[in-house]
C-alpha atoms as a PDB file:
ATOM      1  CA  MET A   1      -1.562 -13.893  -4.552  1.00  0.00           C
ATOM      2  CA  LYS A   2      -0.654 -11.319  -1.906  1.00  0.00           C
ATOM      3  CA  ILE A   3      -2.315  -7.896  -1.907  1.00  0.00           C
ATOM      4  CA  ALA A   4      -0.967  -5.056   0.264  1.00  0.00           C
ATOM      5  CA  ILE A   5      -2.996  -2.065   1.458  1.00  0.00           C
ATOM      6  CA  PRO A   6      -1.932   0.869   3.699  1.00  0.00           C
ATOM      7  CA  VAL A   7      -4.367   0.918   6.646  1.00  0.00           C
ATOM      8  CA  ASP A   8      -5.123   3.090   9.675  1.00  0.00           C
ATOM      9  CA  GLU A   9      -5.633   0.232  12.172  1.00  0.00           C
ATOM     10  CA  LYS A  10      -4.729  -3.436  12.522  1.00  0.00           C
ATOM     11  CA  ASN A  11      -8.138  -4.881  11.677  1.00  0.00           C
ATOM     12  CA  ILE A  12     -10.130  -5.699   8.572  1.00  0.00           C
ATOM     13  CA  GLU A  13     -12.760  -3.079   9.502  1.00  0.00           C
ATOM     14  CA  SER A  14     -10.140  -0.328   9.378  1.00  0.00           C
ATOM     15  CA  LYS A  15     -10.013   2.302   6.673  1.00  0.00           C
ATOM     16  CA  VAL A  16      -7.495   2.555   3.866  1.00  0.00           C
ATOM     17  CA  CYS A  17      -4.856   5.112   4.864  1.00  0.00           C
ATOM     18  CA  ILE A  18      -4.433   8.054   2.487  1.00  0.00           C
ATOM     19  CA  SER A  19      -0.642   8.019   2.932  1.00  0.00           C
ATOM     20  CA  PHE A  20       1.400   5.183   1.438  1.00  0.00           C
ATOM     21  CA  GLY A  21       4.807   5.832   3.021  1.00  0.00           C
ATOM     22  CA  ARG A  22       3.576   7.219   6.330  1.00  0.00           C
ATOM     23  CA  THR A  23       0.712   4.808   6.947  1.00  0.00           C
ATOM     24  CA  PRO A  24       0.892   3.365  10.465  1.00  0.00           C
ATOM     25  CA  TYR A  25       0.249  -0.195   9.235  1.00  0.00           C
ATOM     26  CA  TYR A  26      -0.008  -2.378   6.177  1.00  0.00           C
ATOM     27  CA  MET A  27      -2.367  -5.242   5.636  1.00  0.00           C
ATOM     28  CA  ILE A  28      -1.378  -8.136   3.407  1.00  0.00           C
ATOM     29  CA  TYR A  29      -4.318 -10.173   2.175  1.00  0.00           C
ATOM     30  CA  ASP A  30      -3.665 -13.633   0.763  1.00  0.00           C
ATOM     31  CA  THR A  31      -6.266 -14.394  -1.913  1.00  0.00           C
ATOM     32  CA  ASP A  32      -5.589 -18.141  -1.673  1.00  0.00           C
ATOM     33  CA  SER A  33      -6.002 -18.561   2.101  1.00  0.00           C
ATOM     34  CA  LYS A  34      -8.384 -15.550   2.477  1.00  0.00           C
ATOM     35  CA  GLU A  35      -6.345 -14.480   5.514  1.00  0.00           C
ATOM     36  CA  ALA A  36      -5.170 -10.988   6.422  1.00  0.00           C
ATOM     37  CA  GLU A  37      -1.895 -10.179   8.140  1.00  0.00           C
ATOM     38  CA  PHE A  38      -1.077  -6.760   9.603  1.00  0.00           C
ATOM     39  CA  PHE A  39       2.323  -5.279  10.336  1.00  0.00           C
ATOM     40  CA  ASP A  40       3.719  -1.971  11.570  1.00  0.00           C
ATOM     41  CA  ASN A  41       5.175   0.392   9.009  1.00  0.00           C
ATOM     42  CA  GLU A  42       8.593   1.017  10.528  1.00  0.00           C
ATOM     43  CA  ALA A  43       9.268   3.678   7.863  1.00  0.00           C
ATOM     44  CA  ALA A  44       6.425   5.921   9.114  1.00  0.00           C
ATOM     45  CA  SER A  45       8.666   7.768  11.563  1.00  0.00           C
ATOM     46  CA  SER A  46      11.658   8.110   9.228  1.00  0.00           C
ATOM     47  CA  PRO A  47      12.913  11.671   8.820  1.00  0.00           C
ATOM     48  CA  GLY A  48      13.155  11.082   5.076  1.00  0.00           C
ATOM     49  CA  GLY A  49      12.755   8.359   2.488  1.00  0.00           C
ATOM     50  CA  ALA A  50       9.702   6.824   4.157  1.00  0.00           C
ATOM     51  CA  GLY A  51       8.102   5.858   0.840  1.00  0.00           C
ATOM     52  CA  ILE A  52      11.206   4.056  -0.385  1.00  0.00           C
ATOM     53  CA  LYS A  53      11.627   2.176   2.913  1.00  0.00           C
ATOM     54  CA  ALA A  54       7.940   1.279   3.030  1.00  0.00           C
ATOM     55  CA  ALA A  55       7.980   0.076  -0.570  1.00  0.00           C
ATOM     56  CA  GLN A  56      11.040  -2.084   0.095  1.00  0.00           C
ATOM     57  CA  SER A  57       9.324  -3.673   3.114  1.00  0.00           C
ATOM     58  CA  LEU A  58       6.470  -4.732   0.802  1.00  0.00           C
ATOM     59  CA  VAL A  59       8.902  -6.043  -1.816  1.00  0.00           C
ATOM     60  CA  ASP A  60      10.638  -8.054   0.934  1.00  0.00           C
ATOM     61  CA  ARG A  61       7.263  -9.588   1.844  1.00  0.00           C
ATOM     62  CA  LYS A  62       6.837 -10.683  -1.777  1.00  0.00           C
ATOM     63  CA  ILE A  63       3.528  -8.984  -2.474  1.00  0.00           C
ATOM     64  CA  ASP A  64       2.022  -9.146  -5.949  1.00  0.00           C
ATOM     65  CA  VAL A  65      -0.371  -6.178  -5.869  1.00  0.00           C
ATOM     66  CA  LEU A  66      -0.598  -2.853  -4.025  1.00  0.00           C
ATOM     67  CA  LEU A  67      -3.938  -1.106  -3.512  1.00  0.00           C
ATOM     68  CA  THR A  68      -3.363   2.512  -2.456  1.00  0.00           C
ATOM     69  CA  PRO A  69      -4.969   5.919  -2.976  1.00  0.00           C
ATOM     70  CA  ARG A  70      -1.631   7.443  -4.064  1.00  0.00           C
ATOM     71  CA  CYS A  71       2.097   6.830  -4.204  1.00  0.00           C
ATOM     72  CA  GLY A  72       5.194   9.009  -4.488  1.00  0.00           C
ATOM     73  CA  GLY A  73       7.665   8.751  -7.328  1.00  0.00           C
ATOM     74  CA  ASN A  74      10.553   7.171  -5.432  1.00  0.00           C
ATOM     75  CA  ALA A  75       8.313   4.563  -3.812  1.00  0.00           C
ATOM     76  CA  ALA A  76       6.674   3.867  -7.182  1.00  0.00           C
ATOM     77  CA  ASP A  77      10.109   3.240  -8.688  1.00  0.00           C
ATOM     78  CA  VAL A  78      10.763   0.544  -6.064  1.00  0.00           C
ATOM     79  CA  ILE A  79       7.301  -0.992  -6.522  1.00  0.00           C
ATOM     80  CA  ASN A  80       7.522  -0.951 -10.318  1.00  0.00           C
ATOM     81  CA  GLY A  81      11.078  -2.309 -10.211  1.00  0.00           C
ATOM     82  CA  ALA A  82       9.755  -5.362  -8.378  1.00  0.00           C
ATOM     83  CA  ASN A  83       6.986  -5.846 -10.980  1.00  0.00           C
ATOM     84  CA  ILE A  84       4.276  -5.213  -8.389  1.00  0.00           C
ATOM     85  CA  LYS A  85       1.037  -3.901  -9.910  1.00  0.00           C
ATOM     86  CA  MET A  86      -0.475  -0.798  -8.295  1.00  0.00           C
ATOM     87  CA  TYR A  87      -4.183  -0.034  -8.293  1.00  0.00           C
ATOM     88  CA  LYS A  88      -5.964   3.102  -7.078  1.00  0.00           C
ATOM     89  CA  THR A  89      -8.339   2.524  -4.206  1.00  0.00           C
ATOM     90  CA  GLN A  90     -11.944   3.750  -4.320  1.00  0.00           C
ATOM     91  CA  GLY A  91     -13.181   5.154  -1.037  1.00  0.00           C
ATOM     92  CA  ASP A  92     -11.773   4.076   2.296  1.00  0.00           C
ATOM     93  CA  SER A  93     -13.195   0.591   2.939  1.00  0.00           C
ATOM     94  CA  ILE A  94     -10.710  -2.293   2.885  1.00  0.00           C
ATOM     95  CA  LYS A  95     -13.407  -4.836   2.106  1.00  0.00           C
ATOM     96  CA  VAL A  96     -14.913  -2.796  -0.737  1.00  0.00           C
ATOM     97  CA  ASN A  97     -11.491  -2.308  -2.316  1.00  0.00           C
ATOM     98  CA  LEU A  98     -10.579  -5.989  -2.079  1.00  0.00           C
ATOM     99  CA  GLU A  99     -13.894  -6.926  -3.663  1.00  0.00           C
ATOM    100  CA  ALA A 100     -13.474  -4.280  -6.378  1.00  0.00           C
ATOM    101  CA  TYR A 101      -9.964  -5.519  -7.170  1.00  0.00           C
ATOM    102  CA  GLU A 102     -11.063  -9.151  -7.370  1.00  0.00           C
ATOM    103  CA  ALA A 103     -13.939  -8.108  -9.663  1.00  0.00           C
ATOM    104  CA  GLY A 104     -11.537  -6.197 -11.933  1.00  0.00           C
ATOM    105  CA  LYS A 105     -13.111  -2.832 -11.089  1.00  0.00           C
ATOM    106  CA  LEU A 106     -10.059  -0.908  -9.822  1.00  0.00           C
ATOM    107  CA  ASN A 107      -7.960   1.175 -12.199  1.00  0.00           C
ATOM    108  CA  GLU A 108      -4.196   0.902 -12.312  1.00  0.00           C
ATOM    109  CA  LEU A 109      -2.525   3.728 -10.387  1.00  0.00           C
ATOM    110  CA  THR A 110      -0.788   5.781 -13.048  1.00  0.00           C
ATOM    111  CA  GLU A 111      -0.826   9.267 -11.474  1.00  0.00           C
ATOM    112  CA  ILE A 112       2.324   9.267  -9.372  1.00  0.00           C
ATOM    113  CA  HIS A 113       3.067  12.370  -7.278  1.00  0.00           C
ATOM    114  CA  GLU A 114       6.467  13.775  -6.346  1.00  0.00           C
ATOM    115  CA  GLY A 115       6.178  12.585  -2.753  1.00  0.00           C
ATOM    116  CA  MET A 116       6.112  14.415   0.543  1.00  0.00           C
ATOM    117  CA  HIS A 117       9.807  15.118   0.920  1.00  0.00           C
ATOM    118  CA  ASN A 118      10.886  15.877   4.498  1.00  0.00           C
ATOM    119  CA  HIS A 119       7.339  15.250   5.714  1.00  0.00           C
ATOM    120  CA  GLY A 120       8.654  13.510   8.831  1.00  0.00           C
ATOM    121  CA  LYS A 121      10.681  16.497  10.055  1.00  0.00           C
END
């Protein structure tokens, strides 16, 4: 299973980023191999539609689960359309959130906000 998390830096000690679409990086954690992969969020500098572009990049990487503190409506539509489960992070530690997810202690993310339209301008 592949779990994606928006992160501030490209290392496992980084913090979870509070912004889904404008996060600088994403981490994908493979629960089978226990390996983490980091990649740049090319949508972060988009003048608009960053959440949608970011969500599509995760869909293209065939993730199964997204752990994030929040998500905008348009991005959530893309994520939900791909049958990816979203869970709300607790605090800002990557490790704590991965452990909480694997222990079944994270709640599904159901409070979707309208997004930060034109945030990149």
